[in-house]
Amino acid sequence: MQAYSYLRFSLNVRKIFRFRRQCVNRVQQLLLRDGPDCQLCGLPFPVNAEENTPFSITIDHIVPRKYGGKSTFDNVRLAHRICNNRRGHELDGRWSIETLWTGKGTLRRFRTLEQYGIEIPPRLKPYYDAALVDYKLSQMKRRKFAVPVSKSA
């Protein structure tokens, strides 16, 4: 019984490693086809990004699997993890780059870009400036300015 469970475990481990090797090969092929930039936002992939970080490489389906899209070479492209997550299962016509660079957490995403050494392109500067203004306004709202009260006798 113990030998059977070990054999089953080792077969599962082999399947996982085979799947990972196939994924790495697919990412390499897509990098050759599409180049080193995210196909959704156009920013480059950081060289030093670890796995499962906001700007790590993921495979995005052009036609989402929810709508019958297959995992064929023609239907996939490379994207940052955060771009892929924000896009979700929306089709390209119903999704825009503004959804990624506006809203909650925008300044954190820009700071993460700076952390990886990616320069913010000019087309994203207005979003960065707006995020800075929002941050400063929220900081001003949080502070409680003490108004001196004069005691009248």
Protein backbone atom coordinates (compact mmCIF):
# COMPACT_ATOMS: atom_id res chain seq x y z
CA MET A 1 0.00 0.00 0.00
CA GLN A 2 2.81 2.40 0.87
CA ALA A 3 4.66 1.69 -2.39
CA TYR A 4 1.46 2.42 -4.37
CA SER A 5 0.98 5.82 -2.71
CA TYR A 6 4.65 6.71 -3.30
CA LEU A 7 4.36 5.73 -6.97
CA ARG A 8 1.20 7.82 -7.31
CA PHE A 9 2.89 10.79 -5.63
CA SER A 10 5.95 10.57 -7.87
CA LEU A 11 3.75 10.42 -10.99
CA ASN A 12 1.92 13.57 -9.85
CA VAL A 13 5.22 15.35 -9.21
CA ARG A 14 6.40 14.41 -12.70
CA LYS A 15 3.19 15.79 -14.20
CA ILE A 16 3.65 19.07 -12.32
CA PHE A 17 7.25 19.44 -13.46
CA ARG A 18 6.32 18.55 -17.05
CA PHE A 19 3.55 21.15 -16.95
CA ARG A 20 5.95 23.78 -15.56
CA ARG A 21 8.51 23.00 -18.25
CA GLN A 22 5.82 23.36 -20.92
CA CYS A 23 4.78 26.72 -19.43
CA VAL A 24 8.37 27.98 -19.43
CA ASN A 25 8.79 26.90 -23.05
CA ARG A 26 5.51 28.63 -23.99
CA VAL A 27 6.58 31.87 -22.25
CA GLN A 28 9.90 31.77 -24.10
CA GLN A 29 8.09 31.31 -27.43
CA LEU A 30 5.71 34.17 -26.63
CA LEU A 31 8.63 36.41 -25.63
CA LEU A 32 10.19 35.76 -29.03
CA ARG A 33 6.88 36.46 -30.78
CA ASP A 34 5.65 39.49 -28.81
CA GLY A 35 8.79 41.03 -27.38
CA PRO A 36 9.68 41.91 -23.78
CA ASP A 37 6.69 44.21 -23.14
CA CYS A 38 3.28 43.61 -21.58
CA GLN A 39 0.70 43.34 -24.36
CA LEU A 40 -1.94 45.13 -22.25
CA CYS A 41 -0.14 48.17 -20.84
CA GLY A 42 3.00 48.30 -22.99
CA LEU A 43 5.46 48.50 -20.09
CA PRO A 44 8.48 46.16 -20.07
CA PHE A 45 8.66 43.12 -17.84
CA PRO A 46 11.09 43.66 -14.96
CA VAL A 47 14.09 41.39 -15.16
CA ASN A 48 14.34 40.97 -11.39
CA ALA A 49 10.62 40.34 -10.69
CA GLU A 50 9.94 37.26 -8.64
CA GLU A 51 7.08 34.88 -9.33
CA ASN A 52 3.62 36.00 -8.11
CA THR A 53 4.51 39.68 -7.85
CA PRO A 54 2.32 42.37 -9.49
CA PHE A 55 4.60 42.81 -12.49
CA SER A 56 5.64 39.19 -13.07
CA ILE A 57 4.88 37.51 -16.41
CA THR A 58 1.56 35.74 -16.93
CA ILE A 59 -0.15 34.27 -19.97
CA ASP A 60 -3.31 36.18 -20.90
CA HIS A 61 -6.06 34.83 -23.17
CA ILE A 62 -7.15 37.30 -25.85
CA VAL A 63 -10.60 35.70 -26.04
CA PRO A 64 -11.20 34.64 -22.42
CA ARG A 65 -11.85 31.00 -21.68
CA LYS A 66 -15.21 32.05 -20.23
CA TYR A 67 -16.29 33.02 -23.77
CA GLY A 68 -14.92 29.86 -25.38
CA GLY A 69 -11.35 30.99 -25.98
CA LYS A 70 -8.81 28.18 -26.27
CA SER A 71 -5.25 28.05 -24.99
CA THR A 72 -3.81 28.05 -28.49
CA PHE A 73 -0.71 29.97 -29.50
CA ASP A 74 -2.83 32.47 -31.48
CA ASN A 75 -5.13 33.22 -28.54
CA VAL A 76 -2.53 33.92 -25.83
CA ARG A 77 -0.20 36.80 -25.09
CA LEU A 78 2.06 37.88 -22.27
CA ALA A 79 0.91 40.36 -19.64
CA HIS A 80 1.84 41.56 -16.19
CA ARG A 81 0.02 39.70 -13.44
CA ILE A 82 -1.69 42.90 -12.30
CA CYS A 83 -2.80 43.83 -15.84
CA ASN A 84 -4.16 40.33 -16.40
CA ASN A 85 -6.02 40.37 -13.09
CA ARG A 86 -7.51 43.82 -13.66
CA ARG A 87 -8.65 42.85 -17.15
CA GLY A 88 -10.32 39.73 -15.78
CA HIS A 89 -12.60 38.05 -18.31
CA GLU A 90 -13.44 41.23 -20.24
CA LEU A 91 -13.01 41.33 -23.99
CA ASP A 92 -10.51 43.82 -25.42
CA GLY A 93 -13.18 46.23 -26.64
CA ARG A 94 -14.70 46.52 -23.16
CA TRP A 95 -11.43 46.99 -21.27
CA SER A 96 -9.10 49.97 -21.32
CA ILE A 97 -5.76 50.82 -19.79
CA GLU A 98 -7.48 53.48 -17.68
CA THR A 99 -8.98 50.79 -15.46
CA LEU A 100 -5.47 49.76 -14.43
CA TRP A 101 -4.00 53.19 -13.80
CA THR A 102 -6.97 54.77 -12.01
CA GLY A 103 -8.73 53.94 -8.78
CA LYS A 104 -7.57 52.52 -5.51
CA GLY A 105 -3.94 51.43 -5.23
CA THR A 106 -2.73 53.37 -8.28
CA LEU A 107 0.10 55.15 -6.51
CA ARG A 108 1.28 51.83 -5.05
CA ARG A 109 1.46 50.36 -8.57
CA PHE A 110 3.52 53.34 -9.76
CA ARG A 111 5.84 53.03 -6.75
CA THR A 112 6.28 49.31 -7.52
CA LEU A 113 7.30 50.25 -11.08
CA GLU A 114 9.90 52.65 -9.69
CA GLN A 115 11.10 49.94 -7.32
CA TYR A 116 11.79 47.63 -10.28
CA GLY A 117 13.59 50.44 -12.11
CA ILE A 118 10.96 50.89 -14.84
CA GLU A 119 10.63 54.48 -15.96
CA ILE A 120 7.06 55.78 -16.12
CA PRO A 121 6.30 56.54 -19.77
CA PRO A 122 4.94 59.98 -20.78
CA ARG A 123 1.51 58.58 -21.67
CA LEU A 124 1.06 57.46 -18.05
CA LYS A 125 2.31 60.70 -16.44
CA PRO A 126 -1.20 62.23 -16.14
CA TYR A 127 -2.37 59.13 -14.22
CA TYR A 128 0.69 59.38 -11.96
CA ASP A 129 0.07 63.07 -11.29
CA ALA A 130 -3.60 62.40 -10.52
CA ALA A 131 -2.64 59.60 -8.15
CA LEU A 132 -0.22 61.92 -6.32
CA VAL A 133 -2.92 64.61 -5.96
CA ASP A 134 -5.42 62.04 -4.66
CA TYR A 135 -2.86 60.78 -2.17
CA LYS A 136 -2.06 64.29 -0.90
CA LEU A 137 -5.76 65.12 -0.56
CA SER A 138 -6.42 61.93 1.37
CA GLN A 139 -3.50 62.74 3.69
CA MET A 140 -4.92 66.22 4.30
CA LYS A 141 -8.34 64.77 5.11
CA ARG A 142 -6.82 62.32 7.58
CA ARG A 143 -5.00 64.98 9.51
CA LYS A 144 -7.08 66.75 12.05
CA PHE A 145 -6.09 70.34 12.10
CA ALA A 146 -6.49 71.74 15.57
CA VAL A 147 -8.25 75.06 15.56
CA PRO A 148 -7.29 77.16 18.55
CA VAL A 149 -10.32 78.13 20.56
CA SER A 150 -10.11 81.42 22.39
CA LYS A 151 -11.69 81.57 25.80
CA SER A 152 -13.78 84.67 26.18
CA ALA A 153 -14.09 85.99 29.68
